[in-house]
């Protein structure tokens, strides 16, 4: 199961409101690529596809495909900001190796 912190949940709600399309869901997944083999992605979508898991996090629908769910079990998504910028941060207990830039991983 994937969880979003309260800060991440609020940021997603703000982004959906800015788009002016209520009811959008947040798709979170893993794609092949990057120097360690896999990278995270997030995008908005309207509805789940066959085989997707749907998770409710304080009013935000999170959709995860079956392949990604295997690599993302137990992951917490936060939204952080600092001197180097702001963005979503994944804390994934399944990661065995991160690349130096932090953009890709192997599980």
PDB file of N, CA and C in Angstrom:
ATOM      1  N   UNK A   1       0.833  -1.187   0.000  1.00  0.00           N
ATOM      2  CA  UNK A   1       0.000   0.000   0.000  1.00  0.00           C
ATOM      3  C   UNK A   1       0.877   1.251   0.000  1.00  0.00           C
ATOM      4  N   UNK A   2       0.459   2.242  -0.730  1.00  0.00           N
ATOM      5  CA  UNK A   2       1.143   3.526  -0.787  1.00  0.00           C
ATOM      6  C   UNK A   2       0.381   4.506   0.091  1.00  0.00           C
ATOM      7  N   UNK A   3       1.120   5.353   0.806  1.00  0.00           N
ATOM      8  CA  UNK A   3       0.486   6.402   1.603  1.00  0.00           C
ATOM      9  C   UNK A   3       1.064   7.753   1.197  1.00  0.00           C
ATOM     10  N   UNK A   4       0.265   8.776   1.371  1.00  0.00           N
ATOM     11  CA  UNK A   4       0.702  10.156   1.160  1.00  0.00           C
ATOM     12  C   UNK A   4       0.665  10.861   2.501  1.00  0.00           C
ATOM     13  N   UNK A   5       1.692  11.649   2.789  1.00  0.00           N
ATOM     14  CA  UNK A   5       1.669  12.454   4.000  1.00  0.00           C
ATOM     15  C   UNK A   5       0.601  13.535   3.837  1.00  0.00           C
ATOM     16  N   UNK A   6       0.251  14.182   4.927  1.00  0.00           N
ATOM     17  CA  UNK A   6      -0.749  15.249   4.858  1.00  0.00           C
ATOM     18  C   UNK A   6      -0.271  16.397   3.975  1.00  0.00           C
ATOM     19  N   UNK A   7       1.032  16.669   3.986  1.00  0.00           N
ATOM     20  CA  UNK A   7       1.584  17.748   3.149  1.00  0.00           C
ATOM     21  C   UNK A   7       1.467  17.367   1.670  1.00  0.00           C
ATOM     22  N   UNK A   8       1.787  16.124   1.329  1.00  0.00           N
ATOM     23  CA  UNK A   8       1.682  15.664  -0.055  1.00  0.00           C
ATOM     24  C   UNK A   8       0.227  15.661  -0.510  1.00  0.00           C
ATOM     25  N   UNK A   9      -0.665  15.207   0.362  1.00  0.00           N
ATOM     26  CA  UNK A   9      -2.085  15.181   0.038  1.00  0.00           C
ATOM     27  C   UNK A   9      -2.592  16.585  -0.270  1.00  0.00           C
ATOM     28  N   UNK A  10      -2.225  17.546   0.550  1.00  0.00           N
ATOM     29  CA  UNK A  10      -2.672  18.920   0.323  1.00  0.00           C
ATOM     30  C   UNK A  10      -2.098  19.472  -0.972  1.00  0.00           C
ATOM     31  N   UNK A  11      -0.850  19.158  -1.275  1.00  0.00           N
ATOM     32  CA  UNK A  11      -0.234  19.644  -2.512  1.00  0.00           C
ATOM     33  C   UNK A  11      -0.957  19.072  -3.732  1.00  0.00           C
ATOM     34  N   UNK A  12      -1.313  17.787  -3.675  1.00  0.00           N
ATOM     35  CA  UNK A  12      -2.058  17.175  -4.787  1.00  0.00           C
ATOM     36  C   UNK A  12      -3.411  17.850  -4.929  1.00  0.00           C
ATOM     37  N   UNK A  13      -4.097  18.085  -3.823  1.00  0.00           N
ATOM     38  CA  UNK A  13      -5.398  18.772  -3.875  1.00  0.00           C
ATOM     39  C   UNK A  13      -5.253  20.156  -4.492  1.00  0.00           C
ATOM     40  N   UNK A  14      -4.195  20.874  -4.128  1.00  0.00           N
ATOM     41  CA  UNK A  14      -3.950  22.207  -4.692  1.00  0.00           C
ATOM     42  C   UNK A  14      -3.717  22.127  -6.200  1.00  0.00           C
ATOM     43  N   UNK A  15      -2.951  21.141  -6.637  1.00  0.00           N
ATOM     44  CA  UNK A  15      -2.672  20.979  -8.066  1.00  0.00           C
ATOM     45  C   UNK A  15      -3.933  20.632  -8.850  1.00  0.00           C
ATOM     46  N   UNK A  16      -4.773  19.780  -8.282  1.00  0.00           N
ATOM     47  CA  UNK A  16      -6.041  19.436  -8.938  1.00  0.00           C
ATOM     48  C   UNK A  16      -6.923  20.678  -9.038  1.00  0.00           C
ATOM     49  N   UNK A  17      -6.986  21.470  -7.967  1.00  0.00           N
ATOM     50  CA  UNK A  17      -7.784  22.696  -7.979  1.00  0.00           C
ATOM     51  C   UNK A  17      -7.269  23.680  -9.034  1.00  0.00           C
ATOM     52  N   UNK A  18      -5.957  23.795  -9.180  1.00  0.00           N
ATOM     53  CA  UNK A  18      -5.372  24.689 -10.180  1.00  0.00           C
ATOM     54  C   UNK A  18      -5.741  24.269 -11.591  1.00  0.00           C
ATOM     55  N   UNK A  19      -5.869  22.963 -11.806  1.00  0.00           N
ATOM     56  CA  UNK A  19      -6.238  22.450 -13.128  1.00  0.00           C
ATOM     57  C   UNK A  19      -7.707  22.711 -13.440  1.00  0.00           C
ATOM     58  N   UNK A  20      -8.518  22.902 -12.399  1.00  0.00           N
ATOM     59  CA  UNK A  20      -9.937  23.148 -12.605  1.00  0.00           C
ATOM     60  C   UNK A  20     -10.716  21.916 -13.050  1.00  0.00           C
ATOM     61  N   UNK A  21     -10.188  20.739 -12.729  1.00  0.00           N
ATOM     62  CA  UNK A  21     -10.843  19.487 -13.107  1.00  0.00           C
ATOM     63  C   UNK A  21     -11.033  18.623 -11.873  1.00  0.00           C
ATOM     64  N   UNK A  22     -12.073  18.901 -11.097  1.00  0.00           N
ATOM     65  CA  UNK A  22     -12.288  18.092  -9.893  1.00  0.00           C
ATOM     66  C   UNK A  22     -12.525  16.632 -10.262  1.00  0.00           C
ATOM     67  N   UNK A  23     -12.137  15.755  -9.364  1.00  0.00           N
ATOM     68  CA  UNK A  23     -12.338  14.330  -9.594  1.00  0.00           C
ATOM     69  C   UNK A  23     -11.158  13.625 -10.221  1.00  0.00           C
ATOM     70  N   UNK A  24     -10.111  14.367 -10.573  1.00  0.00           N
ATOM     71  CA  UNK A  24      -8.927  13.710 -11.113  1.00  0.00           C
ATOM     72  C   UNK A  24      -8.286  12.837 -10.045  1.00  0.00           C
ATOM     73  N   UNK A  25      -7.684  11.755 -10.490  1.00  0.00           N
ATOM     74  CA  UNK A  25      -6.935  10.878  -9.601  1.00  0.00           C
ATOM     75  C   UNK A  25      -5.450  11.054  -9.883  1.00  0.00           C
ATOM     76  N   UNK A  26      -4.636  10.654  -8.938  1.00  0.00           N
ATOM     77  CA  UNK A  26      -3.186  10.713  -9.083  1.00  0.00           C
ATOM     78  C   UNK A  26      -2.683   9.318  -9.385  1.00  0.00           C
ATOM     79  N   UNK A  27      -2.086   9.132 -10.554  1.00  0.00           N
ATOM     80  CA  UNK A  27      -1.482   7.849 -10.903  1.00  0.00           C
ATOM     81  C   UNK A  27      -0.012   7.904 -10.496  1.00  0.00           C
ATOM     82  N   UNK A  28       0.396   6.923  -9.702  1.00  0.00           N
ATOM     83  CA  UNK A  28       1.791   6.791  -9.287  1.00  0.00           C
ATOM     84  C   UNK A  28       2.288   5.459  -9.799  1.00  0.00           C
ATOM     85  N   UNK A  29       3.482   5.454 -10.370  1.00  0.00           N
ATOM     86  CA  UNK A  29       3.996   4.206 -10.905  1.00  0.00           C
ATOM     87  C   UNK A  29       5.500   4.203 -11.053  1.00  0.00           C
ATOM     88  N   UNK A  30       5.972   3.113 -11.628  1.00  0.00           N
ATOM     89  CA  UNK A  30       7.395   2.901 -11.872  1.00  0.00           C
ATOM     90  C   UNK A  30       7.570   2.585 -13.350  1.00  0.00           C
ATOM     91  N   UNK A  31       8.560   3.234 -13.952  1.00  0.00           N
ATOM     92  CA  UNK A  31       8.914   2.975 -15.350  1.00  0.00           C
ATOM     93  C   UNK A  31      10.364   2.533 -15.403  1.00  0.00           C
ATOM     94  N   UNK A  32      10.683   1.744 -16.390  1.00  0.00           N
ATOM     95  CA  UNK A  32      12.080   1.393 -16.618  1.00  0.00           C
ATOM     96  C   UNK A  32      12.839   2.615 -17.086  1.00  0.00           C
ATOM     97  N   UNK A  33      14.066   2.733 -16.617  1.00  0.00           N
ATOM     98  CA  UNK A  33      14.893   3.854 -17.048  1.00  0.00           C
ATOM     99  C   UNK A  33      15.749   4.386 -15.928  1.00  0.00           C
ATOM    100  N   UNK A  34      16.590   5.316 -16.257  1.00  0.00           N
ATOM    101  CA  UNK A  34      17.495   5.877 -15.262  1.00  0.00           C
ATOM    102  C   UNK A  34      18.713   4.990 -15.095  1.00  0.00           C
ATOM    103  N   UNK A  35      19.702   5.479 -14.386  1.00  0.00           N
ATOM    104  CA  UNK A  35      20.954   4.744 -14.255  1.00  0.00           C
ATOM    105  C   UNK A  35      20.852   3.535 -13.335  1.00  0.00           C
ATOM    106  N   UNK A  36      19.798   3.445 -12.514  1.00  0.00           N
ATOM    107  CA  UNK A  36      19.636   2.280 -11.634  1.00  0.00           C
ATOM    108  C   UNK A  36      18.547   1.323 -12.105  1.00  0.00           C
ATOM    109  N   UNK A  37      17.895   1.630 -13.218  1.00  0.00           N
ATOM    110  CA  UNK A  37      16.959   0.687 -13.797  1.00  0.00           C
ATOM    111  C   UNK A  37      15.493   1.059 -13.735  1.00  0.00           C
ATOM    112  N   UNK A  38      15.063   1.791 -12.707  1.00  0.00           N
ATOM    113  CA  UNK A  38      13.656   2.171 -12.565  1.00  0.00           C
ATOM    114  C   UNK A  38      13.557   3.622 -12.119  1.00  0.00           C
ATOM    115  N   UNK A  39      12.467   4.273 -12.509  1.00  0.00           N
ATOM    116  CA  UNK A  39      12.218   5.626 -12.020  1.00  0.00           C
ATOM    117  C   UNK A  39      10.730   5.778 -11.713  1.00  0.00           C
ATOM    118  N   UNK A  40      10.439   6.652 -10.773  1.00  0.00           N
ATOM    119  CA  UNK A  40       9.064   6.917 -10.375  1.00  0.00           C
ATOM    120  C   UNK A  40       8.418   7.878 -11.364  1.00  0.00           C
ATOM    121  N   UNK A  41       7.098   7.788 -11.477  1.00  0.00           N
ATOM    122  CA  UNK A  41       6.365   8.812 -12.210  1.00  0.00           C
ATOM    123  C   UNK A  41       5.048   9.084 -11.500  1.00  0.00           C
ATOM    124  N   UNK A  42       4.557  10.281 -11.711  1.00  0.00           N
ATOM    125  CA  UNK A  42       3.265  10.716 -11.182  1.00  0.00           C
ATOM    126  C   UNK A  42       2.585  11.510 -12.281  1.00  0.00           C
ATOM    127  N   UNK A  43       1.289  11.245 -12.462  1.00  0.00           N
ATOM    128  CA  UNK A  43       0.516  11.991 -13.440  1.00  0.00           C
ATOM    129  C   UNK A  43      -0.946  11.951 -13.027  1.00  0.00           C
ATOM    130  N   UNK A  44      -1.714  12.889 -13.526  1.00  0.00           N
ATOM    131  CA  UNK A  44      -3.137  12.881 -13.236  1.00  0.00           C
ATOM    132  C   UNK A  44      -3.851  12.041 -14.274  1.00  0.00           C
ATOM    133  N   UNK A  45      -4.915  11.376 -13.844  1.00  0.00           N
ATOM    134  CA  UNK A  45      -5.743  10.605 -14.766  1.00  0.00           C
ATOM    135  C   UNK A  45      -7.188  10.676 -14.290  1.00  0.00           C
ATOM    136  N   UNK A  46      -8.092  10.309 -15.163  1.00  0.00           N
ATOM    137  CA  UNK A  46      -9.511  10.409 -14.834  1.00  0.00           C
ATOM    138  C   UNK A  46     -10.069   9.148 -14.200  1.00  0.00           C
ATOM    139  N   UNK A  47      -9.561   7.984 -14.601  1.00  0.00           N
ATOM    140  CA  UNK A  47     -10.150   6.736 -14.101  1.00  0.00           C
ATOM    141  C   UNK A  47      -9.112   5.619 -14.116  1.00  0.00           C
ATOM    142  N   UNK A  48      -9.303   4.626 -13.266  1.00  0.00           N
ATOM    143  CA  UNK A  48      -8.402   3.481 -13.278  1.00  0.00           C
ATOM    144  C   UNK A  48      -8.612   2.625 -14.521  1.00  0.00           C
ATOM    145  N   UNK A  49      -7.598   1.847 -14.843  1.00  0.00           N
ATOM    146  CA  UNK A  49      -7.677   0.879 -15.932  1.00  0.00           C
ATOM    147  C   UNK A  49      -7.797  -0.514 -15.323  1.00  0.00           C
ATOM    148  N   UNK A  50      -8.091  -1.483 -16.130  1.00  0.00           N
ATOM    149  CA  UNK A  50      -8.230  -2.859 -15.653  1.00  0.00           C
ATOM    150  C   UNK A  50      -6.948  -3.294 -14.944  1.00  0.00           C
ATOM    151  N   UNK A  51      -7.096  -3.868 -13.763  1.00  0.00           N
ATOM    152  CA  UNK A  51      -5.952  -4.357 -12.993  1.00  0.00           C
ATOM    153  C   UNK A  51      -5.328  -3.339 -12.063  1.00  0.00           C
ATOM    154  N   UNK A  52      -5.755  -2.084 -12.137  1.00  0.00           N
ATOM    155  CA  UNK A  52      -5.200  -1.046 -11.262  1.00  0.00           C
ATOM    156  C   UNK A  52      -5.728  -1.193  -9.839  1.00  0.00           C
ATOM    157  N   UNK A  53      -4.916  -0.756  -8.883  1.00  0.00           N
ATOM    158  CA  UNK A  53      -5.348  -0.638  -7.500  1.00  0.00           C
ATOM    159  C   UNK A  53      -5.712   0.825  -7.255  1.00  0.00           C
ATOM    160  N   UNK A  54      -6.778   1.055  -6.505  1.00  0.00           N
ATOM    161  CA  UNK A  54      -7.196   2.413  -6.163  1.00  0.00           C
ATOM    162  C   UNK A  54      -7.126   2.560  -4.656  1.00  0.00           C
ATOM    163  N   UNK A  55      -6.401   3.579  -4.216  1.00  0.00           N
ATOM    164  CA  UNK A  55      -6.193   3.842  -2.791  1.00  0.00           C
ATOM    165  C   UNK A  55      -6.735   5.242  -2.504  1.00  0.00           C
ATOM    166  N   UNK A  56      -7.425   5.390  -1.407  1.00  0.00           N
ATOM    167  CA  UNK A  56      -7.961   6.693  -1.006  1.00  0.00           C
ATOM    168  C   UNK A  56      -7.078   7.252   0.110  1.00  0.00           C
ATOM    169  N   UNK A  57      -6.532   8.442  -0.088  1.00  0.00           N
ATOM    170  CA  UNK A  57      -5.689   9.097   0.915  1.00  0.00           C
ATOM    171  C   UNK A  57      -6.280  10.465   1.223  1.00  0.00           C
ATOM    172  N   UNK A  58      -7.099  10.549   2.255  1.00  0.00           N
ATOM    173  CA  UNK A  58      -7.678  11.813   2.710  1.00  0.00           C
ATOM    174  C   UNK A  58      -8.299  12.617   1.568  1.00  0.00           C
ATOM    175  N   UNK A  59      -9.111  11.949   0.768  1.00  0.00           N
ATOM    176  CA  UNK A  59      -9.801  12.641  -0.313  1.00  0.00           C
ATOM    177  C   UNK A  59      -9.082  12.644  -1.641  1.00  0.00           C
ATOM    178  N   UNK A  60      -7.890  12.077  -1.711  1.00  0.00           N
ATOM    179  CA  UNK A  60      -7.149  11.973  -2.966  1.00  0.00           C
ATOM    180  C   UNK A  60      -7.164  10.513  -3.401  1.00  0.00           C
ATOM    181  N   UNK A  61      -7.653  10.273  -4.635  1.00  0.00           N
ATOM    182  CA  UNK A  61      -7.603   8.917  -5.184  1.00  0.00           C
ATOM    183  C   UNK A  61      -6.233   8.697  -5.802  1.00  0.00           C
ATOM    184  N   UNK A  62      -5.563   7.632  -5.355  1.00  0.00           N
ATOM    185  CA  UNK A  62      -4.255   7.254  -5.885  1.00  0.00           C
ATOM    186  C   UNK A  62      -4.439   5.945  -6.647  1.00  0.00           C
ATOM    187  N   UNK A  63      -3.975   5.916  -7.890  1.00  0.00           N
ATOM    188  CA  UNK A  63      -4.108   4.742  -8.743  1.00  0.00           C
ATOM    189  C   UNK A  63      -2.715   4.188  -9.029  1.00  0.00           C
ATOM    190  N   UNK A  64      -2.580   2.874  -8.864  1.00  0.00           N
ATOM    191  CA  UNK A  64      -1.290   2.209  -9.085  1.00  0.00           C
ATOM    192  C   UNK A  64      -1.535   0.963  -9.929  1.00  0.00           C
ATOM    193  N   UNK A  65      -0.753   0.797 -10.986  1.00  0.00           N
ATOM    194  CA  UNK A  65      -0.891  -0.407 -11.804  1.00  0.00           C
ATOM    195  C   UNK A  65      -0.283  -1.595 -11.064  1.00  0.00           C
ATOM    196  N   UNK A  66      -0.657  -2.795 -11.460  1.00  0.00           N
ATOM    197  CA  UNK A  66      -0.254  -4.015 -10.742  1.00  0.00           C
ATOM    198  C   UNK A  66       1.260  -4.193 -10.705  1.00  0.00           C
ATOM    199  N   UNK A  67       1.955  -3.919 -11.797  1.00  0.00           N
ATOM    200  CA  UNK A  67       3.415  -4.095 -11.828  1.00  0.00           C
ATOM    201  C   UNK A  67       4.097  -3.130 -10.861  1.00  0.00           C
ATOM    202  N   UNK A  68       3.665  -1.882 -10.882  1.00  0.00           N
ATOM    203  CA  UNK A  68       4.253  -0.881  -9.995  1.00  0.00           C
ATOM    204  C   UNK A  68       3.945  -1.177  -8.532  1.00  0.00           C
ATOM    205  N   UNK A  69       2.746  -1.697  -8.273  1.00  0.00           N
ATOM    206  CA  UNK A  69       2.341  -1.986  -6.891  1.00  0.00           C
ATOM    207  C   UNK A  69       3.315  -2.949  -6.218  1.00  0.00           C
ATOM    208  N   UNK A  70       3.873  -3.875  -6.981  1.00  0.00           N
ATOM    209  CA  UNK A  70       4.836  -4.823  -6.417  1.00  0.00           C
ATOM    210  C   UNK A  70       6.088  -4.114  -5.912  1.00  0.00           C
ATOM    211  N   UNK A  71       6.502  -3.066  -6.596  1.00  0.00           N
ATOM    212  CA  UNK A  71       7.725  -2.348  -6.212  1.00  0.00           C
ATOM    213  C   UNK A  71       7.463  -1.200  -5.247  1.00  0.00           C
ATOM    214  N   UNK A  72       6.194  -0.795  -5.105  1.00  0.00           N
ATOM    215  CA  UNK A  72       5.872   0.379  -4.293  1.00  0.00           C
ATOM    216  C   UNK A  72       5.208   0.050  -2.964  1.00  0.00           C
ATOM    217  N   UNK A  73       5.013  -1.229  -2.646  1.00  0.00           N
ATOM    218  CA  UNK A  73       4.363  -1.595  -1.391  1.00  0.00           C
ATOM    219  C   UNK A  73       5.079  -0.994  -0.194  1.00  0.00           C
ATOM    220  N   UNK A  74       4.348  -0.293   0.651  1.00  0.00           N
ATOM    221  CA  UNK A  74       4.917   0.322   1.844  1.00  0.00           C
ATOM    222  C   UNK A  74       5.529   1.694   1.613  1.00  0.00           C
ATOM    223  N   UNK A  75       5.434   2.211   0.405  1.00  0.00           N
ATOM    224  CA  UNK A  75       6.034   3.504   0.071  1.00  0.00           C
ATOM    225  C   UNK A  75       5.211   4.656   0.646  1.00  0.00           C
ATOM    226  N   UNK A  76       5.924   5.642   1.182  1.00  0.00           N
ATOM    227  CA  UNK A  76       5.303   6.885   1.637  1.00  0.00           C
ATOM    228  C   UNK A  76       5.758   7.999   0.715  1.00  0.00           C
ATOM    229  N   UNK A  77       4.811   8.798   0.248  1.00  0.00           N
ATOM    230  CA  UNK A  77       5.110   9.930  -0.616  1.00  0.00           C
ATOM    231  C   UNK A  77       4.899  11.201   0.199  1.00  0.00           C
ATOM    232  N   UNK A  78       5.919  12.055   0.207  1.00  0.00           N
ATOM    233  CA  UNK A  78       5.869  13.318   0.931  1.00  0.00           C
ATOM    234  C   UNK A  78       6.112  14.445  -0.069  1.00  0.00           C
ATOM    235  N   UNK A  79       5.810  15.655   0.334  1.00  0.00           N
ATOM    236  CA  UNK A  79       6.137  16.833  -0.462  1.00  0.00           C
ATOM    237  C   UNK A  79       7.054  17.685   0.389  1.00  0.00           C
ATOM    238  N   UNK A  80       8.251  17.944  -0.122  1.00  0.00           N
ATOM    239  CA  UNK A  80       9.248  18.681   0.650  1.00  0.00           C
ATOM    240  C   UNK A  80       9.698  19.911  -0.141  1.00  0.00           C
ATOM    241  N   UNK A  81      10.100  20.932   0.584  1.00  0.00           N
ATOM    242  CA  UNK A  81      10.667  22.114  -0.052  1.00  0.00           C
ATOM    243  C   UNK A  81      11.877  22.552   0.750  1.00  0.00           C
ATOM    244  N   UNK A  82      12.838  23.096   0.036  1.00  0.00           N
ATOM    245  CA  UNK A  82      14.069  23.534   0.680  1.00  0.00           C
ATOM    246  C   UNK A  82      14.843  24.460  -0.237  1.00  0.00           C
ATOM    247  N   UNK A  83      16.074  24.693   0.104  1.00  0.00           N
ATOM    248  CA  UNK A  83      16.913  25.603  -0.667  1.00  0.00           C
ATOM    249  C   UNK A  83      17.143  25.132  -2.099  1.00  0.00           C
ATOM    250  N   UNK A  84      17.123  23.819  -2.315  1.00  0.00           N
ATOM    251  CA  UNK A  84      17.384  23.275  -3.641  1.00  0.00           C
ATOM    252  C   UNK A  84      16.102  23.094  -4.459  1.00  0.00           C
ATOM    253  N   UNK A  85      14.976  23.519  -3.933  1.00  0.00           N
ATOM    254  CA  UNK A  85      13.719  23.404  -4.669  1.00  0.00           C
ATOM    255  C   UNK A  85      12.691  22.611  -3.890  1.00  0.00           C
ATOM    256  N   UNK A  86      11.611  22.290  -4.568  1.00  0.00           N
ATOM    257  CA  UNK A  86      10.516  21.565  -3.927  1.00  0.00           C
ATOM    258  C   UNK A  86      10.070  20.431  -4.832  1.00  0.00           C
ATOM    259  N   UNK A  87       9.501  19.400  -4.220  1.00  0.00           N
ATOM    260  CA  UNK A  87       8.985  18.296  -5.011  1.00  0.00           C
ATOM    261  C   UNK A  87       8.540  17.141  -4.139  1.00  0.00           C
ATOM    262  N   UNK A  88       8.019  16.131  -4.794  1.00  0.00           N
ATOM    263  CA  UNK A  88       7.559  14.935  -4.097  1.00  0.00           C
ATOM    264  C   UNK A  88       8.739  14.015  -3.830  1.00  0.00           C
ATOM    265  N   UNK A  89       8.757  13.444  -2.644  1.00  0.00           N
ATOM    266  CA  UNK A  89       9.841  12.554  -2.223  1.00  0.00           C
ATOM    267  C   UNK A  89       9.245  11.187  -1.896  1.00  0.00           C
ATOM    268  N   UNK A  90       9.832  10.144  -2.460  1.00  0.00           N
ATOM    269  CA  UNK A  90       9.387   8.775  -2.242  1.00  0.00           C
ATOM    270  C   UNK A  90      10.279   8.108  -1.200  1.00  0.00           C
ATOM    271  N   UNK A  91       9.676   7.553  -0.169  1.00  0.00           N
ATOM    272  CA  UNK A  91      10.403   6.735   0.821  1.00  0.00           C
ATOM    273  C   UNK A  91       9.917   5.308   0.611  1.00  0.00           C
ATOM    274  N   UNK A  92      10.701   4.547  -0.133  1.00  0.00           N
ATOM    275  CA  UNK A  92      10.312   3.210  -0.569  1.00  0.00           C
ATOM    276  C   UNK A  92      11.168   2.163   0.142  1.00  0.00           C
ATOM    277  N   UNK A  93      10.560   1.327   0.999  1.00  0.00           N
ATOM    278  CA  UNK A  93      11.331   0.324   1.734  1.00  0.00           C
ATOM    279  C   UNK A  93      11.848  -0.814   0.856  1.00  0.00           C
ATOM    280  N   UNK A  94      11.412  -0.893  -0.391  1.00  0.00           N
ATOM    281  CA  UNK A  94      11.820  -1.971  -1.296  1.00  0.00           C
ATOM    282  C   UNK A  94      13.083  -1.655  -2.083  1.00  0.00           C
ATOM    283  N   UNK A  95      13.578  -0.440  -1.971  1.00  0.00           N
ATOM    284  CA  UNK A  95      14.734  -0.012  -2.747  1.00  0.00           C
ATOM    285  C   UNK A  95      16.007  -0.664  -2.199  1.00  0.00           C
ATOM    286  N   UNK A  96      16.753  -1.280  -3.106  1.00  0.00           N
ATOM    287  CA  UNK A  96      18.055  -1.862  -2.735  1.00  0.00           C
ATOM    288  C   UNK A  96      19.199  -0.926  -3.088  1.00  0.00           C
ATOM    289  N   UNK A  97      19.000  -0.118  -4.118  1.00  0.00           N
ATOM    290  CA  UNK A  97      20.068   0.774  -4.572  1.00  0.00           C
ATOM    291  C   UNK A  97      19.451   2.018  -5.222  1.00  0.00           C
ATOM    292  N   UNK A  98      19.935   3.200  -4.845  1.00  0.00           N
ATOM    293  CA  UNK A  98      19.575   4.475  -5.482  1.00  0.00           C
ATOM    294  C   UNK A  98      20.752   4.965  -6.287  1.00  0.00           C
ATOM    295  N   UNK A  99      20.481   5.666  -7.357  1.00  0.00           N
ATOM    296  CA  UNK A  99      21.581   6.303  -8.067  1.00  0.00           C
ATOM    297  C   UNK A  99      21.992   7.571  -7.312  1.00  0.00           C
ATOM    298  N   UNK A 100      23.104   8.118  -7.649  1.00  0.00           N
ATOM    299  CA  UNK A 100      23.629   9.291  -6.951  1.00  0.00           C
ATOM    300  C   UNK A 100      22.716  10.502  -7.076  1.00  0.00           C
ATOM    301  N   UNK A 101      22.025  10.627  -8.198  1.00  0.00           N
ATOM    302  CA  UNK A 101      21.161  11.794  -8.378  1.00  0.00           C
ATOM    303  C   UNK A 101      19.818  11.625  -7.673  1.00  0.00           C
ATOM    304  N   UNK A 102      19.482  10.407  -7.242  1.00  0.00           N
ATOM    305  CA  UNK A 102      18.240  10.168  -6.527  1.00  0.00           C
ATOM    306  C   UNK A 102      17.012  10.024  -7.402  1.00  0.00           C
ATOM    307  N   UNK A 103      17.196  10.005  -8.705  1.00  0.00           N
ATOM    308  CA  UNK A 103      16.064   9.936  -9.626  1.00  0.00           C
ATOM    309  C   UNK A 103      15.698   8.506 -10.030  1.00  0.00           C
ATOM    310  N   UNK A 104      16.566   7.543  -9.814  1.00  0.00           N
ATOM    311  CA  UNK A 104      16.234   6.182 -10.190  1.00  0.00           C
ATOM    312  C   UNK A 104      16.672   5.216  -9.094  1.00  0.00           C
ATOM    313  N   UNK A 105      16.167   3.973  -9.185  1.00  0.00           N
ATOM    314  CA  UNK A 105      16.425   2.987  -8.134  1.00  0.00           C
ATOM    315  C   UNK A 105      16.327   1.586  -8.709  1.00  0.00           C
ATOM    316  N   UNK A 106      16.803   0.636  -7.919  1.00  0.00           N
ATOM    317  CA  UNK A 106      16.567  -0.779  -8.225  1.00  0.00           C
ATOM    318  C   UNK A 106      15.945  -1.405  -6.989  1.00  0.00           C
ATOM    319  N   UNK A 107      15.062  -2.356  -7.223  1.00  0.00           N
ATOM    320  CA  UNK A 107      14.350  -2.998  -6.117  1.00  0.00           C
ATOM    321  C   UNK A 107      14.553  -4.506  -6.177  1.00  0.00           C
TER     322      UNK A 107
END
